Amino acid sequence: MTGKQVGSYEIDPAELAPRVSKQLLHDAVVMYQANQRQGTQKTKTRGEVAGSTRKLYRQKGTGNARAGGRRSGTRRGGGHIFAKRPRDFGWRMPRKALQAATRMALASRIADDEVKLIDSLAVAAPKTAAVAGMLRALGLGEKTVLLAPEKHDANFWKSARNISGVSVAPVAELNAWSILRSRSIVMTKAAIDAFRAAAKPVVERKPATGGRKPVAAKAKRPSRAAAGKGGK
């Protein structure tokens, strides 16, 4: 992990995704962000606020505007008229759409030259200085970086978790959101090979070249009114 170039690796982004759909990537990112919301917000309605329900003063004769109880949503200290309730913001896209979005995200990163390959992402013992030195050698010391090894390594994860802006995810756990939110991606050759092996080619549907089949015309049946006129 010295940052020196020891070889080259050829890959065509079109192999992972023939085209990049911005709408599909947007939908995937919105889904992942929505699923991270806790949804635990809650405020009180006028039925939950502490206080009396007694009418503040009589309806007529005081000169004031008519008013009910002090827990009304129009009064200070009253309940919320449209109170917030705990809810689940999560939703799910089709599995094939998420897989296609992941391939498109990585293909776009490769096309933009934002993916760096390294021989190995492993350390003998948990040591933050080793991973920090590797990032500085690669010129990624001040960027948000996604480190994607082939498999989970506890020592490497412990070494990188204390570095600001650095996240670690095995290649099997990559998704469109984790790929797009980082400025640069560092992968091992084994990881990119595993991703290419698991990625299924996207087959685009081609419009039919042939014309429509001719349909034989059917004779219309006479209406009941027409049939009744000549029936006598």
C-alpha atoms as a PDB file:
ATOM      1  CA  MET A   1       0.000   0.000   0.000  1.00  0.00           C
ATOM      2  CA  THR A   2       2.680   2.435  -1.064  1.00  0.00           C
ATOM      3  CA  GLY A   3       0.725   4.095  -3.878  1.00  0.00           C
ATOM      4  CA  LYS A   4       3.170   3.094  -6.644  1.00  0.00           C
ATOM      5  CA  GLN A   5       1.817   1.860  -9.964  1.00  0.00           C
ATOM      6  CA  VAL A   6       2.598  -1.824 -10.485  1.00  0.00           C
ATOM      7  CA  GLY A   7       0.355  -2.639 -13.435  1.00  0.00           C
ATOM      8  CA  SER A   8      -2.790  -1.805 -15.375  1.00  0.00           C
ATOM      9  CA  TYR A   9      -6.315  -3.169 -15.521  1.00  0.00           C
ATOM     10  CA  GLU A  10      -8.639  -2.846 -18.496  1.00  0.00           C
ATOM     11  CA  ILE A  11     -12.404  -2.662 -18.115  1.00  0.00           C
ATOM     12  CA  ASP A  12     -15.102  -1.206 -20.304  1.00  0.00           C
ATOM     13  CA  PRO A  13     -17.832   0.636 -18.341  1.00  0.00           C
ATOM     14  CA  ALA A  14     -20.336  -0.505 -20.975  1.00  0.00           C
ATOM     15  CA  GLU A  15     -19.687  -4.060 -19.798  1.00  0.00           C
ATOM     16  CA  LEU A  16     -21.353  -3.242 -16.480  1.00  0.00           C
ATOM     17  CA  ALA A  17     -24.048  -0.940 -17.867  1.00  0.00           C
ATOM     18  CA  PRO A  18     -24.606  -0.076 -21.551  1.00  0.00           C
ATOM     19  CA  ARG A  19     -26.125   3.232 -20.462  1.00  0.00           C
ATOM     20  CA  VAL A  20     -26.567   5.207 -17.237  1.00  0.00           C
ATOM     21  CA  SER A  21     -30.092   6.186 -16.249  1.00  0.00           C
ATOM     22  CA  LYS A  22     -30.075   9.275 -14.037  1.00  0.00           C
ATOM     23  CA  GLN A  23     -33.697   8.683 -13.080  1.00  0.00           C
ATOM     24  CA  LEU A  24     -32.984   5.148 -11.878  1.00  0.00           C
ATOM     25  CA  LEU A  25     -29.981   6.333  -9.854  1.00  0.00           C
ATOM     26  CA  HIS A  26     -32.070   9.139  -8.354  1.00  0.00           C
ATOM     27  CA  ASP A  27     -34.838   6.730  -7.350  1.00  0.00           C
ATOM     28  CA  ALA A  28     -32.331   4.347  -5.760  1.00  0.00           C
ATOM     29  CA  VAL A  29     -30.607   7.103  -3.760  1.00  0.00           C
ATOM     30  CA  VAL A  30     -33.956   8.480  -2.556  1.00  0.00           C
ATOM     31  CA  MET A  31     -34.990   4.984  -1.472  1.00  0.00           C
ATOM     32  CA  TYR A  32     -31.797   4.356   0.516  1.00  0.00           C
ATOM     33  CA  GLN A  33     -32.038   7.761   2.203  1.00  0.00           C
ATOM     34  CA  ALA A  34     -35.729   7.293   3.012  1.00  0.00           C
ATOM     35  CA  ASN A  35     -35.017   3.909   4.584  1.00  0.00           C
ATOM     36  CA  GLN A  36     -32.504   5.561   6.929  1.00  0.00           C
ATOM     37  CA  ARG A  37     -35.101   7.900   8.415  1.00  0.00           C
ATOM     38  CA  GLN A  38     -36.137   7.007  11.963  1.00  0.00           C
ATOM     39  CA  GLY A  39     -39.665   8.330  11.642  1.00  0.00           C
ATOM     40  CA  THR A  40     -40.023   8.772  15.425  1.00  0.00           C
ATOM     41  CA  GLN A  41     -41.259  12.380  15.381  1.00  0.00           C
ATOM     42  CA  LYS A  42     -44.430  12.997  17.392  1.00  0.00           C
ATOM     43  CA  THR A  43     -46.301  16.065  18.658  1.00  0.00           C
ATOM     44  CA  LYS A  44     -49.440  16.327  20.788  1.00  0.00           C
ATOM     45  CA  THR A  45     -52.927  17.094  19.588  1.00  0.00           C
ATOM     46  CA  ARG A  46     -55.428  19.105  21.627  1.00  0.00           C
ATOM     47  CA  GLY A  47     -56.675  15.824  23.068  1.00  0.00           C
ATOM     48  CA  GLU A  48     -53.218  14.970  24.446  1.00  0.00           C
ATOM     49  CA  VAL A  49     -52.159  18.344  25.850  1.00  0.00           C
ATOM     50  CA  ALA A  50     -52.574  18.751  29.608  1.00  0.00           C
ATOM     51  CA  GLY A  51     -55.211  21.279  30.647  1.00  0.00           C
ATOM     52  CA  SER A  52     -58.892  21.808  31.264  1.00  0.00           C
ATOM     53  CA  THR A  53     -61.553  21.525  28.586  1.00  0.00           C
ATOM     54  CA  ARG A  54     -63.676  24.186  30.307  1.00  0.00           C
ATOM     55  CA  LYS A  55     -64.789  27.072  28.125  1.00  0.00           C
ATOM     56  CA  LEU A  56     -62.619  30.105  28.872  1.00  0.00           C
ATOM     57  CA  TYR A  57     -65.512  32.586  29.051  1.00  0.00           C
ATOM     58  CA  ARG A  58     -69.100  32.840  27.967  1.00  0.00           C
ATOM     59  CA  GLN A  59     -69.958  32.899  24.294  1.00  0.00           C
ATOM     60  CA  LYS A  60     -71.536  36.383  24.154  1.00  0.00           C
ATOM     61  CA  GLY A  61     -71.415  39.650  26.009  1.00  0.00           C
ATOM     62  CA  THR A  62     -67.696  39.986  26.717  1.00  0.00           C
ATOM     63  CA  GLY A  63     -66.658  41.747  23.518  1.00  0.00           C
ATOM     64  CA  ASN A  64     -63.930  39.184  22.921  1.00  0.00           C
ATOM     65  CA  ALA A  65     -63.771  36.743  20.076  1.00  0.00           C
ATOM     66  CA  ARG A  66     -65.504  33.497  20.854  1.00  0.00           C
ATOM     67  CA  ALA A  67     -63.189  30.862  22.294  1.00  0.00           C
ATOM     68  CA  GLY A  68     -63.423  27.310  23.500  1.00  0.00           C
ATOM     69  CA  GLY A  69     -60.912  25.487  25.685  1.00  0.00           C
ATOM     70  CA  ARG A  70     -57.344  26.530  26.367  1.00  0.00           C
ATOM     71  CA  ARG A  71     -56.048  23.402  24.601  1.00  0.00           C
ATOM     72  CA  SER A  72     -57.157  24.658  21.189  1.00  0.00           C
ATOM     73  CA  GLY A  73     -54.549  24.669  18.460  1.00  0.00           C
ATOM     74  CA  THR A  74     -55.048  28.393  17.893  1.00  0.00           C
ATOM     75  CA  ARG A  75     -53.902  29.308  21.423  1.00  0.00           C
ATOM     76  CA  ARG A  76     -50.429  29.449  22.929  1.00  0.00           C
ATOM     77  CA  GLY A  77     -49.643  26.178  24.680  1.00  0.00           C
ATOM     78  CA  GLY A  78     -52.380  24.326  22.842  1.00  0.00           C
ATOM     79  CA  GLY A  79     -52.066  21.173  20.815  1.00  0.00           C
ATOM     80  CA  HIS A  80     -50.954  20.943  17.211  1.00  0.00           C
ATOM     81  CA  ILE A  81     -53.776  21.025  14.700  1.00  0.00           C
ATOM     82  CA  PHE A  82     -51.951  18.695  12.302  1.00  0.00           C
ATOM     83  CA  ALA A  83     -49.830  16.791  14.789  1.00  0.00           C
ATOM     84  CA  LYS A  84     -46.887  14.707  13.622  1.00  0.00           C
ATOM     85  CA  ARG A  85     -47.177  10.968  14.138  1.00  0.00           C
ATOM     86  CA  PRO A  86     -44.564   8.191  14.051  1.00  0.00           C
ATOM     87  CA  ARG A  87     -44.461   6.670  10.604  1.00  0.00           C
ATOM     88  CA  ASP A  88     -42.339   4.423   8.447  1.00  0.00           C
ATOM     89  CA  PHE A  89     -40.812   6.265   5.497  1.00  0.00           C
ATOM     90  CA  GLY A  90     -39.237   3.127   4.051  1.00  0.00           C
ATOM     91  CA  TRP A  91     -40.106   1.661   0.687  1.00  0.00           C
ATOM     92  CA  ARG A  92     -38.527  -0.828  -1.650  1.00  0.00           C
ATOM     93  CA  MET A  93     -37.609  -0.856  -5.314  1.00  0.00           C
ATOM     94  CA  PRO A  94     -37.574  -4.047  -7.377  1.00  0.00           C
ATOM     95  CA  ARG A  95     -34.473  -6.166  -6.860  1.00  0.00           C
ATOM     96  CA  LYS A  96     -33.419  -6.066 -10.507  1.00  0.00           C
ATOM     97  CA  ALA A  97     -33.753  -2.283 -10.562  1.00  0.00           C
ATOM     98  CA  LEU A  98     -31.456  -1.973  -7.530  1.00  0.00           C
ATOM     99  CA  GLN A  99     -28.910  -4.295  -9.107  1.00  0.00           C
ATOM    100  CA  ALA A 100     -28.969  -2.279 -12.322  1.00  0.00           C
ATOM    101  CA  ALA A 101     -28.566   0.956 -10.344  1.00  0.00           C
ATOM    102  CA  THR A 102     -25.497  -0.446  -8.567  1.00  0.00           C
ATOM    103  CA  ARG A 103     -23.894  -1.414 -11.874  1.00  0.00           C
ATOM    104  CA  MET A 104     -24.699   1.975 -13.395  1.00  0.00           C
ATOM    105  CA  ALA A 105     -23.238   3.809 -10.400  1.00  0.00           C
ATOM    106  CA  LEU A 106     -19.943   1.920 -10.573  1.00  0.00           C
ATOM    107  CA  ALA A 107     -19.809   2.236 -14.366  1.00  0.00           C
ATOM    108  CA  SER A 108     -20.197   6.011 -14.089  1.00  0.00           C
ATOM    109  CA  ARG A 109     -17.409   6.170 -11.491  1.00  0.00           C
ATOM    110  CA  ILE A 110     -15.111   4.145 -13.731  1.00  0.00           C
ATOM    111  CA  ALA A 111     -15.931   6.357 -16.722  1.00  0.00           C
ATOM    112  CA  ASP A 112     -15.074   9.447 -14.640  1.00  0.00           C
ATOM    113  CA  ASP A 113     -11.733   7.900 -13.573  1.00  0.00           C
ATOM    114  CA  GLU A 114     -12.694   7.966  -9.898  1.00  0.00           C
ATOM    115  CA  VAL A 115     -11.915   4.302  -9.143  1.00  0.00           C
ATOM    116  CA  LYS A 116      -8.438   3.218  -8.065  1.00  0.00           C
ATOM    117  CA  LEU A 117      -7.297  -0.399  -7.916  1.00  0.00           C
ATOM    118  CA  ILE A 118      -4.875  -1.720  -5.341  1.00  0.00           C
ATOM    119  CA  ASP A 119      -3.297  -5.117  -4.799  1.00  0.00           C
ATOM    120  CA  SER A 120      -4.580  -5.688  -1.279  1.00  0.00           C
ATOM    121  CA  LEU A 121      -6.618  -3.968   1.415  1.00  0.00           C
ATOM    122  CA  ALA A 122      -5.398  -5.913   4.412  1.00  0.00           C
ATOM    123  CA  VAL A 123      -3.380  -5.124   7.525  1.00  0.00           C
ATOM    124  CA  ALA A 124      -1.733  -7.477   9.979  1.00  0.00           C
ATOM    125  CA  ALA A 125      -3.140  -5.664  13.010  1.00  0.00           C
ATOM    126  CA  PRO A 126      -5.623  -2.834  13.589  1.00  0.00           C
ATOM    127  CA  LYS A 127      -3.629   0.334  12.940  1.00  0.00           C
ATOM    128  CA  THR A 128      -5.144   3.560  11.664  1.00  0.00           C
ATOM    129  CA  ALA A 129      -1.790   4.986  10.561  1.00  0.00           C
ATOM    130  CA  ALA A 130      -1.392   2.262   7.925  1.00  0.00           C
ATOM    131  CA  VAL A 131      -4.673   3.100   6.176  1.00  0.00           C
ATOM    132  CA  ALA A 132      -4.132   6.858   6.541  1.00  0.00           C
ATOM    133  CA  GLY A 133      -0.681   6.543   4.958  1.00  0.00           C
ATOM    134  CA  MET A 134      -2.125   4.555   2.064  1.00  0.00           C
ATOM    135  CA  LEU A 135      -4.731   7.249   1.381  1.00  0.00           C
ATOM    136  CA  ARG A 136      -2.093   9.978   1.421  1.00  0.00           C
ATOM    137  CA  ALA A 137       0.073   7.968  -0.981  1.00  0.00           C
ATOM    138  CA  LEU A 138      -2.889   7.669  -3.356  1.00  0.00           C
ATOM    139  CA  GLY A 139      -3.628  11.388  -3.106  1.00  0.00           C
ATOM    140  CA  LEU A 140      -6.938  10.813  -1.318  1.00  0.00           C
ATOM    141  CA  GLY A 141      -6.097  12.249   2.059  1.00  0.00           C
ATOM    142  CA  GLU A 142      -8.764  14.980   2.026  1.00  0.00           C
ATOM    143  CA  LYS A 143     -11.542  13.276   0.061  1.00  0.00           C
ATOM    144  CA  THR A 144     -14.462  11.071   0.996  1.00  0.00           C
ATOM    145  CA  VAL A 145     -13.349   7.578   0.075  1.00  0.00           C
ATOM    146  CA  LEU A 146     -15.088   4.224  -0.172  1.00  0.00           C
ATOM    147  CA  LEU A 147     -12.787   1.260   0.448  1.00  0.00           C
ATOM    148  CA  ALA A 148     -14.184  -1.895  -1.132  1.00  0.00           C
ATOM    149  CA  PRO A 149     -12.265  -5.111  -0.386  1.00  0.00           C
ATOM    150  CA  GLU A 150     -13.374  -8.476  -1.698  1.00  0.00           C
ATOM    151  CA  LYS A 151     -14.404  -9.778   1.735  1.00  0.00           C
ATOM    152  CA  HIS A 152     -14.894  -8.364   5.199  1.00  0.00           C
ATOM    153  CA  ASP A 153     -11.653  -8.018   7.184  1.00  0.00           C
ATOM    154  CA  ALA A 154     -12.050  -7.098  10.844  1.00  0.00           C
ATOM    155  CA  ASN A 155      -8.519  -5.698  11.207  1.00  0.00           C
ATOM    156  CA  PHE A 156      -8.849  -3.496   8.134  1.00  0.00           C
ATOM    157  CA  TRP A 157     -12.299  -2.268   9.169  1.00  0.00           C
ATOM    158  CA  LYS A 158     -11.021  -1.312  12.630  1.00  0.00           C
ATOM    159  CA  SER A 159      -8.079   0.491  11.036  1.00  0.00           C
ATOM    160  CA  ALA A 160     -10.268   2.624   8.759  1.00  0.00           C
ATOM    161  CA  ARG A 161     -13.322   3.330  10.920  1.00  0.00           C
ATOM    162  CA  ASN A 162     -11.623   6.174  12.831  1.00  0.00           C
ATOM    163  CA  ILE A 163     -10.738   8.173   9.691  1.00  0.00           C
ATOM    164  CA  SER A 164     -13.151  10.963   8.838  1.00  0.00           C
ATOM    165  CA  GLY A 165     -14.825  10.626   5.447  1.00  0.00           C
ATOM    166  CA  VAL A 166     -13.748   6.998   4.940  1.00  0.00           C
ATOM    167  CA  SER A 167     -16.204   4.111   4.742  1.00  0.00           C
ATOM    168  CA  VAL A 168     -15.569   0.402   4.246  1.00  0.00           C
ATOM    169  CA  ALA A 169     -17.932  -1.981   2.467  1.00  0.00           C
ATOM    170  CA  PRO A 170     -17.199  -5.404   0.964  1.00  0.00           C
ATOM    171  CA  VAL A 171     -17.958  -5.697  -2.719  1.00  0.00           C
ATOM    172  CA  ALA A 172     -21.032  -7.843  -1.973  1.00  0.00           C
ATOM    173  CA  GLU A 173     -22.537  -4.987   0.092  1.00  0.00           C
ATOM    174  CA  LEU A 174     -22.067  -2.197  -2.448  1.00  0.00           C
ATOM    175  CA  ASN A 175     -25.108  -0.244  -3.550  1.00  0.00           C
ATOM    176  CA  ALA A 176     -25.804   2.838  -5.629  1.00  0.00           C
ATOM    177  CA  TRP A 177     -25.934   5.173  -2.603  1.00  0.00           C
ATOM    178  CA  SER A 178     -22.636   4.008  -1.088  1.00  0.00           C
ATOM    179  CA  ILE A 179     -20.900   4.345  -4.469  1.00  0.00           C
ATOM    180  CA  LEU A 180     -22.257   7.779  -5.378  1.00  0.00           C
ATOM    181  CA  ARG A 181     -21.824   9.505  -2.020  1.00  0.00           C
ATOM    182  CA  SER A 182     -18.018   9.056  -2.041  1.00  0.00           C
ATOM    183  CA  ARG A 183     -15.730  11.165  -4.200  1.00  0.00           C
ATOM    184  CA  SER A 184     -13.334   8.273  -4.840  1.00  0.00           C
ATOM    185  CA  ILE A 185     -13.431   4.489  -4.621  1.00  0.00           C
ATOM    186  CA  VAL A 186     -10.516   2.200  -3.826  1.00  0.00           C
ATOM    187  CA  MET A 187     -11.028  -1.451  -4.761  1.00  0.00           C
ATOM    188  CA  THR A 188      -8.848  -4.513  -4.977  1.00  0.00           C
ATOM    189  CA  LYS A 189      -8.408  -6.421  -8.225  1.00  0.00           C
ATOM    190  CA  ALA A 190     -10.126  -9.416  -6.645  1.00  0.00           C
ATOM    191  CA  ALA A 191     -13.066  -7.202  -5.657  1.00  0.00           C
ATOM    192  CA  ILE A 192     -13.600  -5.785  -9.139  1.00  0.00           C
ATOM    193  CA  ASP A 193     -13.315  -9.293 -10.604  1.00  0.00           C
ATOM    194  CA  ALA A 194     -15.961 -10.531  -8.160  1.00  0.00           C
ATOM    195  CA  PHE A 195     -18.224  -7.614  -9.050  1.00  0.00           C
ATOM    196  CA  ARG A 196     -17.876  -8.314 -12.775  1.00  0.00           C
ATOM    197  CA  ALA A 197     -18.588 -11.996 -12.232  1.00  0.00           C
ATOM    198  CA  ALA A 198     -21.726 -11.265 -10.209  1.00  0.00           C
ATOM    199  CA  ALA A 199     -23.014  -8.544 -12.538  1.00  0.00           C
ATOM    200  CA  LYS A 200     -25.483  -9.759 -15.101  1.00  0.00           C
ATOM    201  CA  PRO A 201     -25.465  -8.005 -18.460  1.00  0.00           C
ATOM    202  CA  VAL A 202     -28.334  -5.616 -19.038  1.00  0.00           C
ATOM    203  CA  VAL A 203     -30.353  -6.688 -22.062  1.00  0.00           C
ATOM    204  CA  GLU A 204     -32.108  -3.749 -23.674  1.00  0.00           C
ATOM    205  CA  ARG A 205     -35.318  -4.414 -25.510  1.00  0.00           C
ATOM    206  CA  LYS A 206     -35.242  -3.567 -29.192  1.00  0.00           C
ATOM    207  CA  PRO A 207     -38.360  -2.349 -30.972  1.00  0.00           C
ATOM    208  CA  ALA A 208     -39.961  -4.840 -33.319  1.00  0.00           C
ATOM    209  CA  THR A 209     -38.897  -4.332 -36.931  1.00  0.00           C
ATOM    210  CA  GLY A 210     -41.759  -6.218 -38.560  1.00  0.00           C
ATOM    211  CA  GLY A 211     -45.207  -4.743 -39.159  1.00  0.00           C
ATOM    212  CA  ARG A 212     -48.398  -5.853 -37.503  1.00  0.00           C
ATOM    213  CA  LYS A 213     -50.064  -9.021 -38.679  1.00  0.00           C
ATOM    214  CA  PRO A 214     -53.089  -8.416 -40.913  1.00  0.00           C
ATOM    215  CA  VAL A 215     -56.402  -9.081 -39.202  1.00  0.00           C
ATOM    216  CA  ALA A 216     -59.273 -10.456 -41.261  1.00  0.00           C
ATOM    217  CA  ALA A 217     -62.307  -8.171 -41.305  1.00  0.00           C
ATOM    218  CA  LYS A 218     -65.445  -9.660 -39.792  1.00  0.00           C
ATOM    219  CA  ALA A 219     -68.898  -9.079 -41.204  1.00  0.00           C
ATOM    220  CA  LYS A 220     -71.125  -6.960 -38.963  1.00  0.00           C
ATOM    221  CA  ARG A 221     -74.269  -8.560 -37.612  1.00  0.00           C
ATOM    222  CA  PRO A 222     -77.534  -6.772 -38.382  1.00  0.00           C
ATOM    223  CA  SER A 223     -79.000  -4.880 -35.438  1.00  0.00           C
ATOM    224  CA  ARG A 224     -82.213  -6.028 -33.769  1.00  0.00           C
ATOM    225  CA  ALA A 225     -84.109  -3.023 -35.083  1.00  0.00           C
ATOM    226  CA  ALA A 226     -83.101  -3.802 -38.673  1.00  0.00           C
ATOM    227  CA  ALA A 227     -83.959  -7.461 -38.258  1.00  0.00           C
ATOM    228  CA  GLY A 228     -87.413  -6.654 -36.867  1.00  0.00           C
ATOM    229  CA  LYS A 229     -88.484  -4.475 -39.790  1.00  0.00           C
ATOM    230  CA  GLY A 230     -88.408  -7.295 -42.322  1.00  0.00           C
ATOM    231  CA  GLY A 231     -89.631 -10.013 -40.046  1.00  0.00           C
ATOM    232  CA  LYS A 232     -93.357  -9.670 -40.782  1.00  0.00           C
END
